[in-house]
Protein backbone atom coordinates (compact mmCIF):
# COMPACT_ATOMS: atom_id res chain seq x y z
CA MET A 1 -96.01 -7.29 3.82
CA HIS A 2 -95.03 -10.91 3.17
CA SER A 3 -91.33 -11.20 2.21
CA SER A 4 -92.21 -12.78 -1.15
CA GLU A 5 -94.19 -9.66 -2.08
CA ARG A 6 -90.98 -7.66 -1.98
CA LEU A 7 -89.54 -9.67 -4.89
CA LYS A 8 -92.41 -8.89 -7.27
CA GLY A 9 -91.43 -6.65 -10.13
CA ILE A 10 -87.73 -6.54 -9.30
CA ASP A 11 -86.62 -8.33 -12.47
CA VAL A 12 -88.78 -6.04 -14.59
CA PHE A 13 -87.45 -2.93 -12.84
CA VAL A 14 -83.82 -4.01 -13.29
CA ALA A 15 -84.38 -4.74 -16.99
CA VAL A 16 -85.93 -1.29 -17.56
CA ALA A 17 -83.02 0.34 -15.71
CA ASP A 18 -80.43 -1.64 -17.69
CA PHE A 19 -81.95 -0.77 -21.06
CA CYS A 20 -83.23 2.72 -20.13
CA SER A 21 -86.29 1.72 -22.08
CA PHE A 22 -89.66 0.12 -21.34
CA SER A 23 -89.96 -1.30 -24.85
CA ALA A 24 -86.46 -2.81 -24.88
CA ALA A 25 -87.06 -4.39 -21.47
CA ALA A 26 -90.38 -5.77 -22.69
CA GLU A 27 -88.68 -7.32 -25.71
CA ARG A 28 -85.96 -8.90 -23.56
CA LEU A 29 -88.48 -10.32 -21.05
CA ASN A 30 -91.01 -11.39 -23.68
CA LEU A 31 -93.68 -9.17 -22.13
CA THR A 32 -95.89 -6.45 -23.55
CA GLY A 33 -94.91 -2.84 -23.05
CA SER A 34 -98.10 -2.33 -21.08
CA ALA A 35 -97.25 -5.18 -18.70
CA VAL A 36 -93.79 -3.75 -18.05
CA SER A 37 -95.15 -0.25 -17.45
CA LYS A 38 -97.80 -1.51 -15.05
CA SER A 39 -95.28 -3.64 -13.17
CA VAL A 40 -93.03 -0.63 -12.57
CA ALA A 41 -96.02 1.52 -11.59
CA ARG A 42 -97.12 -1.09 -9.02
CA LEU A 43 -93.59 -1.27 -7.64
CA GLU A 44 -93.39 2.52 -7.29
CA GLU A 45 -96.75 2.57 -5.55
CA ARG A 46 -95.68 -0.18 -3.15
CA LEU A 47 -92.42 1.62 -2.35
CA GLY A 48 -94.01 5.04 -2.15
CA ALA A 49 -91.23 6.48 -4.31
CA ARG A 50 -90.71 7.42 -7.94
CA LEU A 51 -87.99 5.23 -9.44
CA PHE A 52 -87.75 6.81 -12.91
CA ASN A 53 -87.86 10.30 -14.33
CA ARG A 54 -89.83 9.96 -17.54
CA THR A 55 -89.97 12.32 -20.52
CA THR A 56 -91.07 11.73 -24.10
CA ARG A 57 -87.40 11.36 -25.11
CA SER A 58 -85.59 9.87 -22.14
CA LEU A 59 -85.86 7.62 -19.14
CA ALA A 60 -83.50 7.95 -16.16
CA LEU A 61 -83.31 6.63 -12.63
CA THR A 62 -84.14 8.98 -9.78
CA ASP A 63 -81.88 9.06 -6.72
CA ALA A 64 -84.25 6.61 -5.06
CA GLY A 65 -84.17 4.51 -8.22
CA VAL A 66 -80.36 4.36 -8.22
CA LEU A 67 -80.32 3.19 -4.59
CA PHE A 68 -83.00 0.58 -5.23
CA TYR A 69 -81.26 -0.58 -8.44
CA ARG A 70 -77.97 -1.22 -6.64
CA THR A 71 -79.74 -3.24 -3.96
CA CYS A 72 -81.80 -5.24 -6.46
CA THR A 73 -78.82 -6.13 -8.67
CA SER A 74 -76.87 -7.24 -5.63
CA VAL A 75 -79.75 -9.45 -4.45
CA LEU A 76 -80.28 -10.97 -7.91
CA SER A 77 -76.56 -11.64 -8.27
CA GLU A 78 -76.46 -13.39 -4.90
CA LEU A 79 -79.50 -15.51 -5.84
CA GLU A 80 -77.78 -16.52 -9.08
CA GLU A 81 -74.66 -17.50 -7.15
CA VAL A 82 -76.66 -19.65 -4.73
CA GLU A 83 -78.43 -21.40 -7.62
CA HIS A 84 -75.10 -22.14 -9.31
CA ALA A 85 -73.59 -23.45 -6.08
CA LEU A 86 -76.52 -25.81 -5.56
CA VAL A 87 -76.23 -27.24 -9.07
CA SER A 88 -72.69 -28.45 -8.45
CA GLN A 89 -71.81 -29.99 -5.11
CA GLU A 90 -68.15 -29.25 -5.73
CA HIS A 91 -68.94 -25.60 -6.48
CA GLU A 92 -67.12 -25.77 -9.82
CA LEU A 93 -67.35 -22.75 -12.09
CA HIS A 94 -69.85 -23.73 -14.75
CA GLY A 95 -72.46 -22.41 -17.12
CA LYS A 96 -72.43 -19.78 -19.84
CA VAL A 97 -70.36 -16.63 -19.68
CA ARG A 98 -70.76 -14.25 -22.60
CA ILE A 99 -67.72 -12.32 -23.80
CA ASP A 100 -67.28 -9.81 -26.63
CA LEU A 101 -63.79 -8.99 -27.94
CA PRO A 102 -62.26 -6.68 -30.55
CA ALA A 103 -61.70 -8.74 -33.68
CA SER A 104 -57.91 -8.85 -34.16
CA TYR A 105 -56.72 -8.12 -30.63
CA GLY A 106 -59.30 -10.54 -29.30
CA ARG A 107 -58.34 -13.41 -31.60
CA LEU A 108 -54.61 -12.95 -31.12
CA HIS A 109 -54.29 -12.07 -27.45
CA VAL A 110 -57.49 -12.56 -25.43
CA LEU A 111 -58.90 -15.77 -26.90
CA PRO A 112 -55.78 -17.80 -25.93
CA LEU A 113 -56.15 -16.54 -22.34
CA ILE A 114 -59.80 -17.57 -22.24
CA MET A 115 -58.90 -21.00 -23.64
CA ASP A 116 -56.33 -21.43 -20.85
CA PHE A 117 -58.96 -20.40 -18.29
CA VAL A 118 -61.50 -22.87 -19.69
CA ARG A 119 -58.89 -25.62 -19.45
CA LEU A 120 -58.78 -24.91 -15.71
CA HIS A 121 -62.59 -24.87 -15.48
CA PRO A 122 -63.94 -27.48 -17.91
CA MET A 123 -67.58 -26.98 -16.86
CA LEU A 124 -67.54 -23.36 -18.03
CA GLN A 125 -69.24 -22.58 -21.35
CA PRO A 126 -67.89 -19.33 -22.85
CA HIS A 127 -69.89 -17.75 -25.67
CA ILE A 128 -67.40 -15.47 -27.47
CA SER A 129 -68.20 -12.89 -30.13
CA PHE A 130 -65.87 -10.52 -31.99
CA THR A 131 -66.97 -6.93 -32.62
CA ASP A 132 -64.97 -3.76 -33.26
CA ARG A 133 -67.95 -1.44 -32.79
CA PHE A 134 -69.07 -0.28 -29.35
CA ILE A 135 -71.89 -2.47 -28.07
CA ASP A 136 -74.43 -2.14 -25.26
CA PRO A 137 -73.57 -5.14 -23.05
CA ALA A 138 -76.90 -4.97 -21.17
CA TYR A 139 -78.97 -4.97 -24.36
CA GLU A 140 -76.88 -7.69 -26.01
CA ASN A 141 -76.64 -9.71 -22.79
CA ILE A 142 -72.82 -9.69 -22.60
CA ASP A 143 -71.05 -10.31 -19.29
CA ILE A 144 -67.50 -9.18 -20.14
CA VAL A 145 -66.19 -6.92 -22.90
CA VAL A 146 -62.71 -5.86 -24.03
CA ARG A 147 -62.67 -2.62 -26.00
CA ILE A 148 -60.16 -0.47 -27.85
CA GLY A 149 -61.42 3.12 -27.75
CA GLY A 150 -64.83 4.06 -26.43
CA PRO A 151 -66.71 6.98 -24.88
CA ASP A 152 -65.19 9.49 -22.48
CA THR A 153 -67.79 8.50 -19.91
CA TRP A 154 -68.94 4.90 -19.56
CA PRO A 155 -72.60 4.04 -18.76
CA ALA A 156 -73.36 3.76 -15.04
CA ASN A 157 -74.26 0.08 -15.31
CA LEU A 158 -70.77 -0.87 -16.53
CA GLY A 159 -67.68 -1.54 -14.47
CA HIS A 160 -64.51 -0.63 -16.35
CA GLU A 161 -60.75 -0.91 -15.93
CA TYR A 162 -58.15 0.81 -18.11
CA PHE A 163 -55.20 -1.44 -18.93
CA GLY A 164 -53.20 0.87 -21.18
CA ALA A 165 -53.15 2.59 -24.55
CA GLN A 166 -52.14 1.07 -27.85
CA ARG A 167 -48.56 1.88 -28.82
CA LEU A 168 -48.63 2.88 -32.48
CA ILE A 169 -45.61 2.68 -34.76
CA PHE A 170 -44.99 3.23 -38.45
CA CYS A 171 -43.69 0.19 -40.26
CA ALA A 172 -43.16 -1.29 -43.71
CA SER A 173 -41.78 -4.45 -45.26
CA PRO A 174 -38.07 -4.69 -46.17
CA ASP A 175 -39.13 -5.17 -49.80
CA TYR A 176 -41.11 -1.91 -49.83
CA LEU A 177 -38.26 0.04 -48.23
CA GLN A 178 -35.78 -1.37 -50.73
CA ARG A 179 -37.96 -0.18 -53.61
CA TYR A 180 -39.10 3.19 -52.25
CA GLY A 181 -36.61 4.09 -49.54
CA TYR A 182 -37.14 5.17 -45.94
CA PRO A 183 -39.27 8.23 -45.11
CA GLU A 184 -37.04 10.89 -43.53
CA ASN A 185 -39.67 12.76 -41.53
CA GLN A 186 -43.39 13.08 -40.89
CA HIS A 187 -44.04 15.18 -44.00
CA ASP A 188 -42.16 12.68 -46.16
CA LEU A 189 -44.96 10.18 -45.46
CA ASP A 190 -47.05 12.12 -48.00
CA ASN A 191 -44.63 10.92 -50.68
CA HIS A 192 -45.12 7.26 -49.81
CA GLN A 193 -47.84 4.73 -50.44
CA CYS A 194 -49.88 4.32 -47.28
CA ILE A 195 -52.04 1.53 -45.85
CA GLY A 196 -54.99 2.62 -43.70
CA TYR A 197 -57.73 1.16 -41.55
CA LEU A 198 -61.24 1.17 -43.05
CA GLN A 199 -63.80 2.03 -40.37
CA SER A 200 -67.31 0.60 -40.16
CA ASP A 201 -68.71 3.95 -41.38
CA GLY A 202 -66.79 3.59 -44.64
CA LEU A 203 -64.22 6.27 -43.78
CA VAL A 204 -60.49 5.68 -43.49
CA GLY A 205 -59.29 6.06 -39.91
CA PRO A 206 -56.84 8.90 -39.20
CA TRP A 207 -53.23 8.50 -38.19
CA PHE A 208 -52.20 9.59 -34.71
CA PHE A 209 -49.40 12.01 -33.86
CA ARG A 210 -48.24 13.58 -30.61
CA GLY A 211 -49.74 16.99 -29.99
CA ALA A 212 -47.99 20.23 -29.12
CA ARG A 213 -48.47 19.66 -25.38
CA PRO A 214 -47.58 16.58 -23.32
CA GLY A 215 -50.42 14.08 -23.33
CA GLU A 216 -52.14 15.66 -26.34
CA MET A 217 -52.81 13.63 -29.45
CA GLU A 218 -53.54 14.86 -32.98
CA ARG A 219 -55.49 12.90 -35.55
CA ARG A 220 -54.69 13.54 -39.19
CA ALA A 221 -56.38 12.26 -42.30
CA VAL A 222 -54.21 10.13 -44.56
CA GLN A 223 -54.38 9.46 -48.28
CA THR A 224 -54.22 5.70 -48.60
CA ARG A 225 -53.52 3.38 -51.46
CA ILE A 226 -55.22 0.50 -49.65
CA ALA A 227 -57.65 0.60 -46.73
CA VAL A 228 -58.56 -2.61 -44.90
CA GLY A 229 -61.32 -2.98 -42.32
CA ASP A 230 -59.45 -5.53 -40.20
CA GLY A 231 -56.20 -5.17 -38.26
CA GLU A 232 -54.73 -8.47 -39.39
CA GLY A 233 -55.70 -7.65 -42.98
CA GLU A 234 -53.97 -4.28 -42.66
CA VAL A 235 -50.80 -6.03 -41.48
CA ALA A 236 -51.05 -8.46 -44.41
CA ALA A 237 -51.12 -5.54 -46.87
CA VAL A 238 -48.02 -4.01 -45.24
CA LEU A 239 -46.23 -7.38 -45.18
CA ALA A 240 -46.98 -7.77 -48.89
CA GLY A 241 -45.02 -4.60 -49.60
CA HIS A 242 -47.89 -2.31 -50.60
CA GLY A 243 -46.99 0.60 -48.35
CA ILE A 244 -46.36 2.05 -44.91
CA GLY A 245 -48.89 1.53 -42.13
CA GLN A 246 -49.38 2.90 -38.64
CA LEU A 247 -50.05 -0.17 -36.55
CA PRO A 248 -50.23 -1.16 -32.87
CA THR A 249 -47.34 -3.07 -31.37
CA TRP A 250 -49.68 -5.91 -30.38
CA LEU A 251 -50.05 -6.59 -34.13
CA THR A 252 -46.48 -5.95 -35.28
CA GLN A 253 -44.05 -7.05 -32.56
CA ARG A 254 -43.74 -10.65 -33.76
CA HIS A 255 -43.15 -9.56 -37.35
CA ILE A 256 -40.52 -7.02 -36.32
CA GLU A 257 -38.70 -9.64 -34.24
CA GLN A 258 -38.76 -11.98 -37.27
CA GLY A 259 -37.53 -9.23 -39.60
CA THR A 260 -40.57 -9.34 -41.88
CA LEU A 261 -41.51 -5.78 -40.83
CA VAL A 262 -39.26 -2.81 -40.14
CA GLU A 263 -40.15 0.13 -37.89
CA VAL A 264 -39.63 3.51 -39.57
CA LEU A 265 -39.61 6.98 -38.02
CA PRO A 266 -39.37 5.62 -34.44
CA ASP A 267 -39.47 9.19 -33.09
CA LEU A 268 -43.11 9.33 -34.24
CA ALA A 269 -44.18 6.30 -32.20
CA THR A 270 -47.08 7.40 -30.01
CA ASP A 271 -49.86 6.19 -27.80
CA GLY A 272 -53.16 5.54 -29.54
CA LEU A 273 -56.64 4.61 -28.32
CA PRO A 274 -57.21 3.54 -24.71
CA MET A 275 -57.94 -0.10 -23.95
CA HIS A 276 -60.48 -1.22 -21.36
CA LEU A 277 -61.84 -4.31 -19.68
CA LEU A 278 -65.59 -3.86 -19.10
CA TRP A 279 -68.29 -5.82 -17.31
CA LEU A 280 -71.91 -5.51 -16.24
CA LYS A 281 -71.97 -4.38 -12.61
CA ASN A 282 -75.03 -6.45 -11.81
CA ARG A 283 -73.09 -9.62 -12.73
CA GLU A 284 -69.67 -8.82 -11.30
CA ASN A 285 -70.35 -10.91 -8.16
CA ALA A 286 -71.30 -14.01 -10.11
CA ALA A 287 -68.48 -16.48 -9.40
CA LYS A 288 -67.78 -17.32 -13.05
CA VAL A 289 -67.67 -13.66 -14.09
CA LYS A 290 -65.58 -12.58 -11.11
CA ALA A 291 -63.12 -15.44 -11.63
CA LEU A 292 -62.64 -14.67 -15.32
CA LEU A 293 -62.21 -10.95 -14.63
CA ASP A 294 -59.61 -11.75 -11.98
CA TYR A 295 -57.82 -14.01 -14.46
CA LEU A 296 -57.78 -11.46 -17.28
CA ARG A 297 -56.83 -8.34 -15.28
CA PRO A 298 -53.12 -9.09 -14.75
CA ARG A 299 -52.73 -10.67 -18.18
CA LEU A 300 -54.19 -8.04 -20.53
CA THR A 301 -51.61 -5.57 -21.80
CA PRO A 302 -51.62 -2.96 -24.60
CA HIS A 303 -48.84 -4.95 -26.30
CA GLY A 304 -50.81 -8.19 -26.27
CA MET A 305 -49.57 -11.38 -24.62
CA ARG A 306 -46.38 -10.78 -22.71
CA THR A 307 -43.14 -11.10 -24.68
CA SER A 308 -39.98 -12.55 -23.15
CA ALA A 309 -38.83 -9.00 -22.42
CA ASP A 310 -42.08 -8.27 -20.59
CA LYS A 311 -41.72 -11.41 -18.50
CA ALA A 312 -38.13 -10.52 -17.60
CA GLU A 313 -39.30 -7.13 -16.32
CA HIS A 314 -41.94 -8.78 -14.17
């Protein structure tokens, strides 16, 4: 077999594997579903192995398919790297890198890091979106994702790195506490006006409390006076004196240091949702993606950008 024959159908196969769908791959590649199906069938015939287990409801890689997928994504990534290196004689990082960030944490703490990175690599073209919902990076063509929360098990096509859990504290404005007093215990929160987070499904997010056993976490519904579907908006409502909120330290630390917010019930401070840096495995060897991942890893923290105290510890 001529070496060029071995490359036929690889891009189609990888797209089907990434999306776990013939129709989604066809849409992404601007092909018909029939063309995609035939391309995979020809590839399986040429290899003498079944690459997918197909049912009416699901599509999954076989063991042979997983092995072939890893090899194909590695080859495609290396080809992309060679193309990029040839474009620039100085091998500068350049081109588009697509990044999706959680809205408030992303704007406040990740975007400034990316801007610093771009200053070091002026030929890079980041395309940055802000989304609090979980997205499918392969389907939406995203290279790097930062997420708060997420599934217990990440999809096989995603690399992921845990960088901590949100630290949640209860806080209120000095004005609110002067008018309504300090809550004395957890149950006393029921007697206060509360600010909550409005989820995308229209429900108010629960508050988090430590469970009976170490490492356990309880989620409890809260009756809110105001619910806001944005972290910075939630802080604004608390700053305006409308009630007590349970908020992550990456949103509140600056305000507490300035005295515009006051932590209450510090014994109830607890860890919240886990925070992860994610990336598509089939792009992790691309120089621009690898470089940005390497830049972000030591700089992302659950408290946001490092405070002076953090820097002193390090």
